[in-house]
């Protein structure tokens, strides 16, 4: 019985630590998004945030990706980055759409030599 209490306490401690860490991470990303004016940095942080929400809240993920798309505008590299994230977000729910989006991203990004 004592072992069960110890296990429960350890589990709850890990759970609450995880919640605190997640909140700090989300707060940090949101702060960076709000203060950054450079489109590339803003989009990278939005994509990190959308990646965090991908399995937790798909509506929030798609809203973030839509926001990133509007910031990217006609910039091929930024638009390609957003499309990669968008394509990945559809892999589980709509593989055909995911493939189409990822191929579009590939077409935009193939001319860039950066990592």
C-alpha atoms as a PDB file:
ATOM      1  CA  UNK A   1       0.000   0.000   0.000  1.00  0.00           C
ATOM      2  CA  UNK A   2       2.846   2.361   0.859  1.00  0.00           C
ATOM      3  CA  UNK A   3       4.407   1.721  -2.567  1.00  0.00           C
ATOM      4  CA  UNK A   4       1.172   2.799  -4.252  1.00  0.00           C
ATOM      5  CA  UNK A   5       1.220   6.131  -2.398  1.00  0.00           C
ATOM      6  CA  UNK A   6       4.827   6.727  -3.394  1.00  0.00           C
ATOM      7  CA  UNK A   7       4.031   5.907  -7.019  1.00  0.00           C
ATOM      8  CA  UNK A   8       1.027   8.270  -7.017  1.00  0.00           C
ATOM      9  CA  UNK A   9       3.100  11.076  -5.480  1.00  0.00           C
ATOM     10  CA  UNK A  10       5.860  10.587  -8.051  1.00  0.00           C
ATOM     11  CA  UNK A  11       3.348  10.527 -10.893  1.00  0.00           C
ATOM     12  CA  UNK A  12       1.590  13.684  -9.683  1.00  0.00           C
ATOM     13  CA  UNK A  13       4.913  15.448  -9.203  1.00  0.00           C
ATOM     14  CA  UNK A  14       5.979  14.613 -12.746  1.00  0.00           C
ATOM     15  CA  UNK A  15       2.573  15.633 -14.102  1.00  0.00           C
ATOM     16  CA  UNK A  16       2.600  19.049 -12.433  1.00  0.00           C
ATOM     17  CA  UNK A  17       6.225  19.656 -13.393  1.00  0.00           C
ATOM     18  CA  UNK A  18       5.299  18.894 -17.002  1.00  0.00           C
ATOM     19  CA  UNK A  19       2.384  21.328 -16.845  1.00  0.00           C
ATOM     20  CA  UNK A  20       4.665  24.082 -15.504  1.00  0.00           C
ATOM     21  CA  UNK A  21       7.300  23.400 -18.153  1.00  0.00           C
ATOM     22  CA  UNK A  22       4.669  23.459 -20.934  1.00  0.00           C
ATOM     23  CA  UNK A  23       3.263  26.758 -19.683  1.00  0.00           C
ATOM     24  CA  UNK A  24       6.726  28.351 -19.599  1.00  0.00           C
ATOM     25  CA  UNK A  25       7.445  27.085 -23.112  1.00  0.00           C
ATOM     26  CA  UNK A  26       4.138  28.391 -24.484  1.00  0.00           C
ATOM     27  CA  UNK A  27       4.530  31.728 -22.709  1.00  0.00           C
ATOM     28  CA  UNK A  28       8.042  32.066 -24.104  1.00  0.00           C
ATOM     29  CA  UNK A  29       6.926  31.331 -27.681  1.00  0.00           C
ATOM     30  CA  UNK A  30       3.968  33.711 -27.438  1.00  0.00           C
ATOM     31  CA  UNK A  31       6.202  36.466 -26.049  1.00  0.00           C
ATOM     32  CA  UNK A  32       8.644  36.018 -28.932  1.00  0.00           C
ATOM     33  CA  UNK A  33       5.829  36.043 -31.489  1.00  0.00           C
ATOM     34  CA  UNK A  34       4.384  39.239 -30.047  1.00  0.00           C
ATOM     35  CA  UNK A  35       7.671  41.160 -29.801  1.00  0.00           C
ATOM     36  CA  UNK A  36       9.345  40.023 -33.037  1.00  0.00           C
ATOM     37  CA  UNK A  37       8.777  42.103 -36.135  1.00  0.00           C
ATOM     38  CA  UNK A  38      10.986  40.041 -38.463  1.00  0.00           C
ATOM     39  CA  UNK A  39       8.682  37.742 -40.483  1.00  0.00           C
ATOM     40  CA  UNK A  40      11.121  34.806 -40.545  1.00  0.00           C
ATOM     41  CA  UNK A  41      11.570  34.703 -36.763  1.00  0.00           C
ATOM     42  CA  UNK A  42       7.869  35.271 -36.162  1.00  0.00           C
ATOM     43  CA  UNK A  43       6.927  32.397 -38.487  1.00  0.00           C
ATOM     44  CA  UNK A  44       9.493  30.027 -36.954  1.00  0.00           C
ATOM     45  CA  UNK A  45       8.005  30.625 -33.503  1.00  0.00           C
ATOM     46  CA  UNK A  46       4.444  30.288 -34.803  1.00  0.00           C
ATOM     47  CA  UNK A  47       5.413  26.969 -36.401  1.00  0.00           C
ATOM     48  CA  UNK A  48       6.922  25.752 -33.119  1.00  0.00           C
ATOM     49  CA  UNK A  49       3.692  26.708 -31.378  1.00  0.00           C
ATOM     50  CA  UNK A  50       1.559  24.980 -34.006  1.00  0.00           C
ATOM     51  CA  UNK A  51       3.742  21.887 -33.669  1.00  0.00           C
ATOM     52  CA  UNK A  52       3.108  21.879 -29.915  1.00  0.00           C
ATOM     53  CA  UNK A  53      -0.660  21.985 -30.477  1.00  0.00           C
ATOM     54  CA  UNK A  54      -0.700  19.507 -33.382  1.00  0.00           C
ATOM     55  CA  UNK A  55      -1.902  16.547 -31.293  1.00  0.00           C
ATOM     56  CA  UNK A  56      -3.649  18.590 -28.603  1.00  0.00           C
ATOM     57  CA  UNK A  57      -5.810  21.123 -30.451  1.00  0.00           C
ATOM     58  CA  UNK A  58      -6.049  20.880 -34.235  1.00  0.00           C
ATOM     59  CA  UNK A  59      -8.231  23.979 -34.503  1.00  0.00           C
ATOM     60  CA  UNK A  60      -5.543  26.058 -32.817  1.00  0.00           C
ATOM     61  CA  UNK A  61      -2.912  24.442 -35.039  1.00  0.00           C
ATOM     62  CA  UNK A  62      -4.747  25.397 -38.227  1.00  0.00           C
ATOM     63  CA  UNK A  63      -5.393  28.960 -37.000  1.00  0.00           C
ATOM     64  CA  UNK A  64      -1.691  29.385 -36.248  1.00  0.00           C
ATOM     65  CA  UNK A  65      -0.757  28.016 -39.673  1.00  0.00           C
ATOM     66  CA  UNK A  66      -3.215  30.364 -41.357  1.00  0.00           C
ATOM     67  CA  UNK A  67      -1.642  33.273 -39.468  1.00  0.00           C
ATOM     68  CA  UNK A  68       1.836  32.131 -40.534  1.00  0.00           C
ATOM     69  CA  UNK A  69       0.693  31.901 -44.171  1.00  0.00           C
ATOM     70  CA  UNK A  70      -0.558  35.478 -44.099  1.00  0.00           C
ATOM     71  CA  UNK A  71       2.757  36.688 -42.636  1.00  0.00           C
ATOM     72  CA  UNK A  72       4.755  34.738 -45.247  1.00  0.00           C
ATOM     73  CA  UNK A  73       2.922  36.462 -48.080  1.00  0.00           C
ATOM     74  CA  UNK A  74       4.749  35.894 -51.370  1.00  0.00           C
ATOM     75  CA  UNK A  75       8.100  34.982 -49.787  1.00  0.00           C
ATOM     76  CA  UNK A  76       8.756  31.541 -51.287  1.00  0.00           C
ATOM     77  CA  UNK A  77      11.060  30.318 -48.539  1.00  0.00           C
ATOM     78  CA  UNK A  78       8.747  31.328 -45.682  1.00  0.00           C
ATOM     79  CA  UNK A  79       5.678  30.068 -47.516  1.00  0.00           C
ATOM     80  CA  UNK A  80       7.446  26.742 -48.142  1.00  0.00           C
ATOM     81  CA  UNK A  81       8.287  26.413 -44.443  1.00  0.00           C
ATOM     82  CA  UNK A  82       4.657  27.010 -43.524  1.00  0.00           C
ATOM     83  CA  UNK A  83       3.473  24.496 -46.107  1.00  0.00           C
ATOM     84  CA  UNK A  84       5.800  21.814 -44.717  1.00  0.00           C
ATOM     85  CA  UNK A  85       4.274  22.301 -41.279  1.00  0.00           C
ATOM     86  CA  UNK A  86       0.779  22.376 -42.743  1.00  0.00           C
ATOM     87  CA  UNK A  87       1.400  19.196 -44.731  1.00  0.00           C
ATOM     88  CA  UNK A  88       2.704  17.397 -41.663  1.00  0.00           C
ATOM     89  CA  UNK A  89      -0.387  18.445 -39.724  1.00  0.00           C
ATOM     90  CA  UNK A  90      -2.588  16.673 -42.294  1.00  0.00           C
ATOM     91  CA  UNK A  91      -0.639  13.398 -42.448  1.00  0.00           C
ATOM     92  CA  UNK A  92      -2.884  11.577 -39.967  1.00  0.00           C
ATOM     93  CA  UNK A  93      -6.268  12.985 -40.996  1.00  0.00           C
ATOM     94  CA  UNK A  94      -5.938  13.480 -44.756  1.00  0.00           C
ATOM     95  CA  UNK A  95      -2.844  11.828 -46.299  1.00  0.00           C
ATOM     96  CA  UNK A  96      -3.823  12.794 -49.854  1.00  0.00           C
ATOM     97  CA  UNK A  97      -4.062  16.469 -48.920  1.00  0.00           C
ATOM     98  CA  UNK A  98      -0.840  16.181 -46.927  1.00  0.00           C
ATOM     99  CA  UNK A  99       1.012  14.810 -49.959  1.00  0.00           C
ATOM    100  CA  UNK A 100      -0.313  17.593 -52.195  1.00  0.00           C
ATOM    101  CA  UNK A 101       0.736  20.293 -49.711  1.00  0.00           C
ATOM    102  CA  UNK A 102       4.172  18.745 -49.138  1.00  0.00           C
ATOM    103  CA  UNK A 103       4.815  18.530 -52.880  1.00  0.00           C
ATOM    104  CA  UNK A 104       3.862  22.189 -53.212  1.00  0.00           C
ATOM    105  CA  UNK A 105       6.300  23.014 -50.388  1.00  0.00           C
ATOM    106  CA  UNK A 106       9.014  20.997 -52.114  1.00  0.00           C
ATOM    107  CA  UNK A 107       8.467  22.980 -55.304  1.00  0.00           C
ATOM    108  CA  UNK A 108       8.915  26.248 -53.423  1.00  0.00           C
ATOM    109  CA  UNK A 109      11.897  25.169 -51.325  1.00  0.00           C
ATOM    110  CA  UNK A 110      13.995  23.259 -53.871  1.00  0.00           C
ATOM    111  CA  UNK A 111      15.745  26.416 -55.066  1.00  0.00           C
ATOM    112  CA  UNK A 112      17.033  27.261 -51.567  1.00  0.00           C
ATOM    113  CA  UNK A 113      20.333  25.803 -50.376  1.00  0.00           C
ATOM    114  CA  UNK A 114      19.893  26.577 -46.656  1.00  0.00           C
ATOM    115  CA  UNK A 115      19.255  23.926 -44.027  1.00  0.00           C
END
